[in-house]
């Protein structure tokens, strides 16, 4: 499914609450250079859109930001609150900001679940003049040895998933869709795109858990998902039971007009 249409697939968009604890435990963080880029204006008050369990918000809080999260799922929000993040539960497009204004609005790994034009318009409405919007994602691409093993497994057990999964190197237009939505909102200066390379080592158990936190895997029928994960687990075990996963964090930023 094209990224431009992902926000309309509510079964996927709202599938994360059922696995909130797992999500919080295994989802990767973000590189410090990306956080540096978000904070280059030294914002004091920041909004985390689609904050999930507070993974990104915690990074900004640790740097001195006063954070508020907006999250659609109460189960995810509860975990963010345990991290010390204040969270309002609502779809961002319909959220009532109550007159609050922010120096910075961020969204980690979630903007594709939000209408890209309406979301940009809403972000502009809650940002202070010259405030910034920062949207970011981790994209992965398994090492060649594993990718060659994974390919036939997905072709046999879950055809098509690997072609659009951001964890498997599939082609994805999320950043392009975000940039187009920002431009269409007519509320921001032209968006800028930055990339940050980093890596993380996953063992078999963590990799299988991580796959289950992505909606393209989580929403597969249970029996199909279990067969797929068993085969993927065997493949990782065949290369030693762990591997270094290359990630590229993509950051789209734009300043409110």
C-alpha atoms as a PDB file:
ATOM      1  CA  UNK A   1       0.000   0.000   0.000  1.00  0.00           C
ATOM      2  CA  UNK A   2       1.324   3.428  -0.900  1.00  0.00           C
ATOM      3  CA  UNK A   3       2.362   5.627   1.991  1.00  0.00           C
ATOM      4  CA  UNK A   4      -0.087   8.299   0.858  1.00  0.00           C
ATOM      5  CA  UNK A   5      -2.935   5.918   1.668  1.00  0.00           C
ATOM      6  CA  UNK A   6      -1.623   4.383   4.883  1.00  0.00           C
ATOM      7  CA  UNK A   7      -3.461   6.818   7.156  1.00  0.00           C
ATOM      8  CA  UNK A   8      -6.753   5.530   5.711  1.00  0.00           C
ATOM      9  CA  UNK A   9      -6.022   1.951   6.790  1.00  0.00           C
ATOM     10  CA  UNK A  10      -7.228   2.309  10.367  1.00  0.00           C
ATOM     11  CA  UNK A  11      -6.905  -1.426  11.158  1.00  0.00           C
ATOM     12  CA  UNK A  12      -3.149  -1.052  10.695  1.00  0.00           C
ATOM     13  CA  UNK A  13      -2.903   2.455  12.092  1.00  0.00           C
ATOM     14  CA  UNK A  14      -4.556   1.433  15.352  1.00  0.00           C
ATOM     15  CA  UNK A  15      -3.003  -2.040  15.703  1.00  0.00           C
ATOM     16  CA  UNK A  16      -0.186  -1.033  18.050  1.00  0.00           C
ATOM     17  CA  UNK A  17      -2.022  -0.746  21.351  1.00  0.00           C
ATOM     18  CA  UNK A  18      -2.458  -4.509  21.616  1.00  0.00           C
ATOM     19  CA  UNK A  19       1.333  -4.896  21.645  1.00  0.00           C
ATOM     20  CA  UNK A  20       2.217  -1.710  23.514  1.00  0.00           C
ATOM     21  CA  UNK A  21       4.606  -3.313  26.018  1.00  0.00           C
ATOM     22  CA  UNK A  22       6.433  -5.242  23.291  1.00  0.00           C
ATOM     23  CA  UNK A  23       6.628  -2.110  21.146  1.00  0.00           C
ATOM     24  CA  UNK A  24       8.215  -0.140  23.961  1.00  0.00           C
ATOM     25  CA  UNK A  25      10.723  -2.888  24.709  1.00  0.00           C
ATOM     26  CA  UNK A  26      12.087  -3.596  21.223  1.00  0.00           C
ATOM     27  CA  UNK A  27      11.491  -0.608  18.958  1.00  0.00           C
ATOM     28  CA  UNK A  28      14.799   1.116  18.099  1.00  0.00           C
ATOM     29  CA  UNK A  29      15.589   4.590  19.353  1.00  0.00           C
ATOM     30  CA  UNK A  30      16.987   7.366  17.124  1.00  0.00           C
ATOM     31  CA  UNK A  31      20.568   8.563  16.581  1.00  0.00           C
ATOM     32  CA  UNK A  32      21.780  11.475  18.664  1.00  0.00           C
ATOM     33  CA  UNK A  33      22.664  13.464  15.530  1.00  0.00           C
ATOM     34  CA  UNK A  34      18.986  13.481  14.559  1.00  0.00           C
ATOM     35  CA  UNK A  35      18.042  14.787  18.009  1.00  0.00           C
ATOM     36  CA  UNK A  36      20.738  17.465  17.645  1.00  0.00           C
ATOM     37  CA  UNK A  37      19.140  18.563  14.370  1.00  0.00           C
ATOM     38  CA  UNK A  38      15.686  18.767  15.952  1.00  0.00           C
ATOM     39  CA  UNK A  39      16.998  20.907  18.796  1.00  0.00           C
ATOM     40  CA  UNK A  40      19.196  23.293  16.833  1.00  0.00           C
ATOM     41  CA  UNK A  41      16.876  26.216  17.716  1.00  0.00           C
ATOM     42  CA  UNK A  42      16.921  25.296  21.427  1.00  0.00           C
ATOM     43  CA  UNK A  43      13.143  24.855  21.729  1.00  0.00           C
ATOM     44  CA  UNK A  44      11.689  24.915  25.221  1.00  0.00           C
ATOM     45  CA  UNK A  45       8.177  23.590  24.612  1.00  0.00           C
ATOM     46  CA  UNK A  46       7.674  20.664  22.219  1.00  0.00           C
ATOM     47  CA  UNK A  47       4.768  18.539  20.997  1.00  0.00           C
ATOM     48  CA  UNK A  48       5.196  14.859  20.099  1.00  0.00           C
ATOM     49  CA  UNK A  49       2.528  13.865  17.565  1.00  0.00           C
ATOM     50  CA  UNK A  50       1.625  10.170  17.656  1.00  0.00           C
ATOM     51  CA  UNK A  51       3.989   9.806  20.593  1.00  0.00           C
ATOM     52  CA  UNK A  52       3.340   6.079  21.069  1.00  0.00           C
ATOM     53  CA  UNK A  53       5.106   4.868  24.194  1.00  0.00           C
ATOM     54  CA  UNK A  54       7.263   7.992  24.439  1.00  0.00           C
ATOM     55  CA  UNK A  55      10.473   6.702  22.841  1.00  0.00           C
ATOM     56  CA  UNK A  56      11.199   9.914  20.935  1.00  0.00           C
ATOM     57  CA  UNK A  57       9.716  12.214  23.573  1.00  0.00           C
ATOM     58  CA  UNK A  58      12.075  10.789  26.184  1.00  0.00           C
ATOM     59  CA  UNK A  59      15.072  11.777  24.058  1.00  0.00           C
ATOM     60  CA  UNK A  60      13.865  15.378  23.907  1.00  0.00           C
ATOM     61  CA  UNK A  61      12.934  15.465  27.597  1.00  0.00           C
ATOM     62  CA  UNK A  62      16.468  14.336  28.438  1.00  0.00           C
ATOM     63  CA  UNK A  63      17.742  17.391  26.529  1.00  0.00           C
ATOM     64  CA  UNK A  64      15.578  19.787  28.547  1.00  0.00           C
ATOM     65  CA  UNK A  65      12.394  20.069  26.469  1.00  0.00           C
ATOM     66  CA  UNK A  66       9.032  20.449  28.172  1.00  0.00           C
ATOM     67  CA  UNK A  67       7.059  17.791  26.279  1.00  0.00           C
ATOM     68  CA  UNK A  68       3.419  17.052  25.580  1.00  0.00           C
ATOM     69  CA  UNK A  69       2.404  13.977  23.621  1.00  0.00           C
ATOM     70  CA  UNK A  70      -0.709  13.340  21.542  1.00  0.00           C
ATOM     71  CA  UNK A  71      -1.507   9.666  21.023  1.00  0.00           C
ATOM     72  CA  UNK A  72      -4.557   7.893  19.623  1.00  0.00           C
ATOM     73  CA  UNK A  73      -4.273   4.771  21.809  1.00  0.00           C
ATOM     74  CA  UNK A  74      -4.664   4.894  25.589  1.00  0.00           C
ATOM     75  CA  UNK A  75      -2.576   1.725  26.058  1.00  0.00           C
ATOM     76  CA  UNK A  76       0.396   3.313  24.327  1.00  0.00           C
ATOM     77  CA  UNK A  77      -0.168   6.576  26.212  1.00  0.00           C
ATOM     78  CA  UNK A  78      -0.071   4.801  29.577  1.00  0.00           C
ATOM     79  CA  UNK A  79       3.475   3.635  28.908  1.00  0.00           C
ATOM     80  CA  UNK A  80       4.544   7.109  27.800  1.00  0.00           C
ATOM     81  CA  UNK A  81       3.143   8.489  31.046  1.00  0.00           C
ATOM     82  CA  UNK A  82       5.228   5.973  32.981  1.00  0.00           C
ATOM     83  CA  UNK A  83       8.228   7.582  31.283  1.00  0.00           C
ATOM     84  CA  UNK A  84       7.094  10.917  32.699  1.00  0.00           C
ATOM     85  CA  UNK A  85       5.543  12.250  29.476  1.00  0.00           C
ATOM     86  CA  UNK A  86       2.202  14.072  29.696  1.00  0.00           C
ATOM     87  CA  UNK A  87      -0.097  12.681  26.981  1.00  0.00           C
ATOM     88  CA  UNK A  88      -3.477  13.668  25.563  1.00  0.00           C
ATOM     89  CA  UNK A  89      -5.381  10.818  23.913  1.00  0.00           C
ATOM     90  CA  UNK A  90      -6.944  11.865  20.602  1.00  0.00           C
ATOM     91  CA  UNK A  91      -6.465  11.628  16.838  1.00  0.00           C
ATOM     92  CA  UNK A  92      -4.072  14.488  16.096  1.00  0.00           C
ATOM     93  CA  UNK A  93      -6.234  15.979  13.343  1.00  0.00           C
ATOM     94  CA  UNK A  94      -9.133  16.360  15.836  1.00  0.00           C
ATOM     95  CA  UNK A  95      -7.079  17.160  18.945  1.00  0.00           C
ATOM     96  CA  UNK A  96      -8.050  20.288  20.882  1.00  0.00           C
ATOM     97  CA  UNK A  97      -4.842  22.106  21.802  1.00  0.00           C
ATOM     98  CA  UNK A  98      -6.694  24.407  24.191  1.00  0.00           C
ATOM     99  CA  UNK A  99      -4.767  27.438  22.971  1.00  0.00           C
ATOM    100  CA  UNK A 100      -1.347  25.890  23.633  1.00  0.00           C
ATOM    101  CA  UNK A 101       1.501  26.812  21.296  1.00  0.00           C
ATOM    102  CA  UNK A 102       4.825  25.042  20.786  1.00  0.00           C
ATOM    103  CA  UNK A 103       8.313  25.893  19.599  1.00  0.00           C
ATOM    104  CA  UNK A 104       8.715  22.463  18.006  1.00  0.00           C
ATOM    105  CA  UNK A 105       6.358  19.708  16.847  1.00  0.00           C
ATOM    106  CA  UNK A 106       7.834  16.281  16.136  1.00  0.00           C
ATOM    107  CA  UNK A 107       6.527  12.950  14.936  1.00  0.00           C
ATOM    108  CA  UNK A 108       8.633   9.799  15.067  1.00  0.00           C
ATOM    109  CA  UNK A 109       7.624   6.807  13.000  1.00  0.00           C
ATOM    110  CA  UNK A 110       3.957   7.853  12.871  1.00  0.00           C
ATOM    111  CA  UNK A 111       3.274  10.683  10.379  1.00  0.00           C
ATOM    112  CA  UNK A 112       2.167   8.181   7.706  1.00  0.00           C
ATOM    113  CA  UNK A 113      -0.827   7.377   9.948  1.00  0.00           C
ATOM    114  CA  UNK A 114      -1.938  11.032   9.770  1.00  0.00           C
ATOM    115  CA  UNK A 115      -3.547  12.821   6.837  1.00  0.00           C
ATOM    116  CA  UNK A 116      -0.444  14.539   5.383  1.00  0.00           C
ATOM    117  CA  UNK A 117      -2.179  17.812   4.461  1.00  0.00           C
ATOM    118  CA  UNK A 118      -4.598  18.099   7.396  1.00  0.00           C
ATOM    119  CA  UNK A 119      -1.790  17.068   9.729  1.00  0.00           C
ATOM    120  CA  UNK A 120       0.530  19.771   8.420  1.00  0.00           C
ATOM    121  CA  UNK A 121      -2.219  22.366   8.726  1.00  0.00           C
ATOM    122  CA  UNK A 122      -2.930  21.316  12.312  1.00  0.00           C
ATOM    123  CA  UNK A 123       0.790  21.360  13.183  1.00  0.00           C
ATOM    124  CA  UNK A 124       1.084  24.892  11.808  1.00  0.00           C
ATOM    125  CA  UNK A 125      -1.901  25.960  13.896  1.00  0.00           C
ATOM    126  CA  UNK A 126      -0.262  24.853  17.161  1.00  0.00           C
ATOM    127  CA  UNK A 127       3.259  26.070  16.398  1.00  0.00           C
ATOM    128  CA  UNK A 128       4.516  29.492  17.408  1.00  0.00           C
ATOM    129  CA  UNK A 129       5.549  31.836  14.596  1.00  0.00           C
ATOM    130  CA  UNK A 130       8.733  30.434  12.995  1.00  0.00           C
ATOM    131  CA  UNK A 131       8.278  27.193  14.982  1.00  0.00           C
ATOM    132  CA  UNK A 132       9.514  24.003  13.362  1.00  0.00           C
ATOM    133  CA  UNK A 133       7.980  20.685  12.364  1.00  0.00           C
ATOM    134  CA  UNK A 134      10.227  17.599  12.434  1.00  0.00           C
ATOM    135  CA  UNK A 135       9.056  14.248  11.022  1.00  0.00           C
ATOM    136  CA  UNK A 136      11.337  11.224  11.153  1.00  0.00           C
ATOM    137  CA  UNK A 137      11.508   7.507  10.491  1.00  0.00           C
ATOM    138  CA  UNK A 138      13.974   4.660  10.883  1.00  0.00           C
ATOM    139  CA  UNK A 139      14.355   2.697   7.653  1.00  0.00           C
ATOM    140  CA  UNK A 140      16.210  -0.618   7.662  1.00  0.00           C
ATOM    141  CA  UNK A 141      17.827  -2.853   5.086  1.00  0.00           C
ATOM    142  CA  UNK A 142      19.087  -6.239   6.319  1.00  0.00           C
ATOM    143  CA  UNK A 143      22.613  -7.300   5.378  1.00  0.00           C
ATOM    144  CA  UNK A 144      22.851  -8.970   1.948  1.00  0.00           C
ATOM    145  CA  UNK A 145      23.430 -12.447   3.375  1.00  0.00           C
ATOM    146  CA  UNK A 146      20.206 -12.285   5.362  1.00  0.00           C
ATOM    147  CA  UNK A 147      18.236 -10.459   2.674  1.00  0.00           C
ATOM    148  CA  UNK A 148      18.997 -13.336   0.315  1.00  0.00           C
ATOM    149  CA  UNK A 149      17.614 -15.769   2.880  1.00  0.00           C
ATOM    150  CA  UNK A 150      14.593 -13.641   3.744  1.00  0.00           C
ATOM    151  CA  UNK A 151      13.492 -13.069   0.137  1.00  0.00           C
ATOM    152  CA  UNK A 152      12.302 -16.600  -0.671  1.00  0.00           C
ATOM    153  CA  UNK A 153      10.696 -16.932   2.779  1.00  0.00           C
ATOM    154  CA  UNK A 154       8.537 -13.846   2.281  1.00  0.00           C
ATOM    155  CA  UNK A 155       7.753 -14.849  -1.306  1.00  0.00           C
ATOM    156  CA  UNK A 156       6.444 -18.186  -0.022  1.00  0.00           C
ATOM    157  CA  UNK A 157       4.756 -17.213   3.244  1.00  0.00           C
ATOM    158  CA  UNK A 158       3.849 -13.503   3.007  1.00  0.00           C
ATOM    159  CA  UNK A 159       4.231 -12.321  -0.583  1.00  0.00           C
ATOM    160  CA  UNK A 160       4.431  -8.568  -0.981  1.00  0.00           C
ATOM    161  CA  UNK A 161       5.261  -7.676   2.617  1.00  0.00           C
ATOM    162  CA  UNK A 162       8.965  -7.268   1.946  1.00  0.00           C
ATOM    163  CA  UNK A 163       8.286  -4.898  -0.951  1.00  0.00           C
ATOM    164  CA  UNK A 164       6.926  -2.140   1.309  1.00  0.00           C
ATOM    165  CA  UNK A 165       8.196  -2.918   4.814  1.00  0.00           C
ATOM    166  CA  UNK A 166      10.389  -0.107   6.145  1.00  0.00           C
ATOM    167  CA  UNK A 167      12.258  -2.709   8.186  1.00  0.00           C
ATOM    168  CA  UNK A 168      13.185  -4.844   5.183  1.00  0.00           C
ATOM    169  CA  UNK A 169      14.451  -2.275   2.700  1.00  0.00           C
ATOM    170  CA  UNK A 170      11.198  -2.002   0.770  1.00  0.00           C
ATOM    171  CA  UNK A 171      10.619   1.070  -1.353  1.00  0.00           C
ATOM    172  CA  UNK A 172       8.634   3.652   0.545  1.00  0.00           C
ATOM    173  CA  UNK A 173       7.370   7.144  -0.187  1.00  0.00           C
ATOM    174  CA  UNK A 174       6.676   8.288   3.393  1.00  0.00           C
ATOM    175  CA  UNK A 175       9.130  11.163   3.342  1.00  0.00           C
ATOM    176  CA  UNK A 176       8.023  12.268  -0.133  1.00  0.00           C
ATOM    177  CA  UNK A 177       4.372  12.133   0.934  1.00  0.00           C
ATOM    178  CA  UNK A 178       5.160  14.179   4.046  1.00  0.00           C
ATOM    179  CA  UNK A 179       7.007  16.816   2.005  1.00  0.00           C
ATOM    180  CA  UNK A 180       4.139  17.022  -0.482  1.00  0.00           C
ATOM    181  CA  UNK A 181       1.614  17.429   2.341  1.00  0.00           C
ATOM    182  CA  UNK A 182       3.675  20.182   3.961  1.00  0.00           C
ATOM    183  CA  UNK A 183       3.851  22.030   0.656  1.00  0.00           C
ATOM    184  CA  UNK A 184       0.118  21.582  -0.009  1.00  0.00           C
ATOM    185  CA  UNK A 185      -0.738  23.016   3.420  1.00  0.00           C
ATOM    186  CA  UNK A 186       0.796  26.356   2.346  1.00  0.00           C
ATOM    187  CA  UNK A 187       1.719  27.008   5.974  1.00  0.00           C
ATOM    188  CA  UNK A 188       5.431  26.192   5.918  1.00  0.00           C
ATOM    189  CA  UNK A 189       8.619  27.195   4.160  1.00  0.00           C
ATOM    190  CA  UNK A 190       9.971  24.471   1.845  1.00  0.00           C
ATOM    191  CA  UNK A 191      10.811  21.279   3.708  1.00  0.00           C
ATOM    192  CA  UNK A 192      14.366  20.010   4.101  1.00  0.00           C
ATOM    193  CA  UNK A 193      15.446  16.365   4.112  1.00  0.00           C
ATOM    194  CA  UNK A 194      18.350  14.953   6.153  1.00  0.00           C
ATOM    195  CA  UNK A 195      19.591  11.389   6.636  1.00  0.00           C
ATOM    196  CA  UNK A 196      21.524   9.795   9.492  1.00  0.00           C
ATOM    197  CA  UNK A 197      23.151   6.378   9.188  1.00  0.00           C
ATOM    198  CA  UNK A 198      23.466   4.175  12.264  1.00  0.00           C
ATOM    199  CA  UNK A 199      23.264   0.491  13.192  1.00  0.00           C
ATOM    200  CA  UNK A 200      22.046  -1.836  15.904  1.00  0.00           C
ATOM    201  CA  UNK A 201      22.768  -5.502  16.596  1.00  0.00           C
ATOM    202  CA  UNK A 202      19.717  -7.756  16.881  1.00  0.00           C
ATOM    203  CA  UNK A 203      19.656 -11.343  18.065  1.00  0.00           C
ATOM    204  CA  UNK A 204      17.052 -13.795  16.803  1.00  0.00           C
ATOM    205  CA  UNK A 205      14.518 -13.249  19.590  1.00  0.00           C
ATOM    206  CA  UNK A 206      14.718  -9.467  19.395  1.00  0.00           C
ATOM    207  CA  UNK A 207      14.419  -9.453  15.607  1.00  0.00           C
ATOM    208  CA  UNK A 208      11.302 -11.618  15.685  1.00  0.00           C
ATOM    209  CA  UNK A 209       9.817  -9.414  18.408  1.00  0.00           C
ATOM    210  CA  UNK A 210      10.627  -6.293  16.397  1.00  0.00           C
ATOM    211  CA  UNK A 211       8.915  -7.670  13.294  1.00  0.00           C
ATOM    212  CA  UNK A 212       5.766  -8.162  15.344  1.00  0.00           C
ATOM    213  CA  UNK A 213       5.671  -4.457  16.236  1.00  0.00           C
ATOM    214  CA  UNK A 214       5.320  -3.474  12.569  1.00  0.00           C
ATOM    215  CA  UNK A 215       1.749  -3.360  11.335  1.00  0.00           C
ATOM    216  CA  UNK A 216       2.567  -5.139   8.075  1.00  0.00           C
ATOM    217  CA  UNK A 217       3.484  -8.212  10.148  1.00  0.00           C
ATOM    218  CA  UNK A 218       1.200  -7.707  13.144  1.00  0.00           C
ATOM    219  CA  UNK A 219      -1.970  -7.652  11.048  1.00  0.00           C
ATOM    220  CA  UNK A 220      -1.217 -10.901   9.218  1.00  0.00           C
ATOM    221  CA  UNK A 221      -3.493 -13.805  10.215  1.00  0.00           C
ATOM    222  CA  UNK A 222      -2.063 -15.467  13.322  1.00  0.00           C
ATOM    223  CA  UNK A 223      -1.205 -18.826  11.745  1.00  0.00           C
ATOM    224  CA  UNK A 224       0.444 -17.150   8.757  1.00  0.00           C
ATOM    225  CA  UNK A 225       2.452 -14.828  10.991  1.00  0.00           C
ATOM    226  CA  UNK A 226       3.653 -17.705  13.172  1.00  0.00           C
ATOM    227  CA  UNK A 227       4.844 -19.715  10.153  1.00  0.00           C
ATOM    228  CA  UNK A 228       6.620 -16.658   8.784  1.00  0.00           C
ATOM    229  CA  UNK A 229       8.356 -15.845  12.072  1.00  0.00           C
ATOM    230  CA  UNK A 230       9.472 -19.440  12.574  1.00  0.00           C
ATOM    231  CA  UNK A 231      11.098 -19.478   9.145  1.00  0.00           C
ATOM    232  CA  UNK A 232      12.700 -16.061   9.646  1.00  0.00           C
ATOM    233  CA  UNK A 233      14.023 -17.197  13.020  1.00  0.00           C
ATOM    234  CA  UNK A 234      15.633 -20.252  11.430  1.00  0.00           C
ATOM    235  CA  UNK A 235      17.288 -17.983   8.851  1.00  0.00           C
ATOM    236  CA  UNK A 236      18.800 -15.711  11.516  1.00  0.00           C
ATOM    237  CA  UNK A 237      19.991 -18.718  13.491  1.00  0.00           C
ATOM    238  CA  UNK A 238      21.697 -20.056  10.364  1.00  0.00           C
ATOM    239  CA  UNK A 239      23.993 -16.995  10.284  1.00  0.00           C
ATOM    240  CA  UNK A 240      24.918 -17.209  13.953  1.00  0.00           C
ATOM    241  CA  UNK A 241      21.843 -15.975  15.770  1.00  0.00           C
ATOM    242  CA  UNK A 242      22.549 -12.231  15.573  1.00  0.00           C
ATOM    243  CA  UNK A 243      23.437  -9.574  13.031  1.00  0.00           C
ATOM    244  CA  UNK A 244      24.257  -5.882  12.737  1.00  0.00           C
ATOM    245  CA  UNK A 245      21.291  -4.119  11.173  1.00  0.00           C
ATOM    246  CA  UNK A 246      22.066  -0.976   9.148  1.00  0.00           C
ATOM    247  CA  UNK A 247      19.494   1.775   9.682  1.00  0.00           C
ATOM    248  CA  UNK A 248      18.991   5.121   8.004  1.00  0.00           C
ATOM    249  CA  UNK A 249      17.024   7.697   9.954  1.00  0.00           C
ATOM    250  CA  UNK A 250      15.223  10.115   7.642  1.00  0.00           C
ATOM    251  CA  UNK A 251      14.304  13.567   8.958  1.00  0.00           C
ATOM    252  CA  UNK A 252      11.938  15.993   7.227  1.00  0.00           C
ATOM    253  CA  UNK A 253      11.929  19.491   8.738  1.00  0.00           C
ATOM    254  CA  UNK A 254      10.017  22.629   7.853  1.00  0.00           C
ATOM    255  CA  UNK A 255       9.637  26.014   9.479  1.00  0.00           C
ATOM    256  CA  UNK A 256       6.225  27.616   9.892  1.00  0.00           C
ATOM    257  CA  UNK A 257       5.738  30.657   7.676  1.00  0.00           C
END
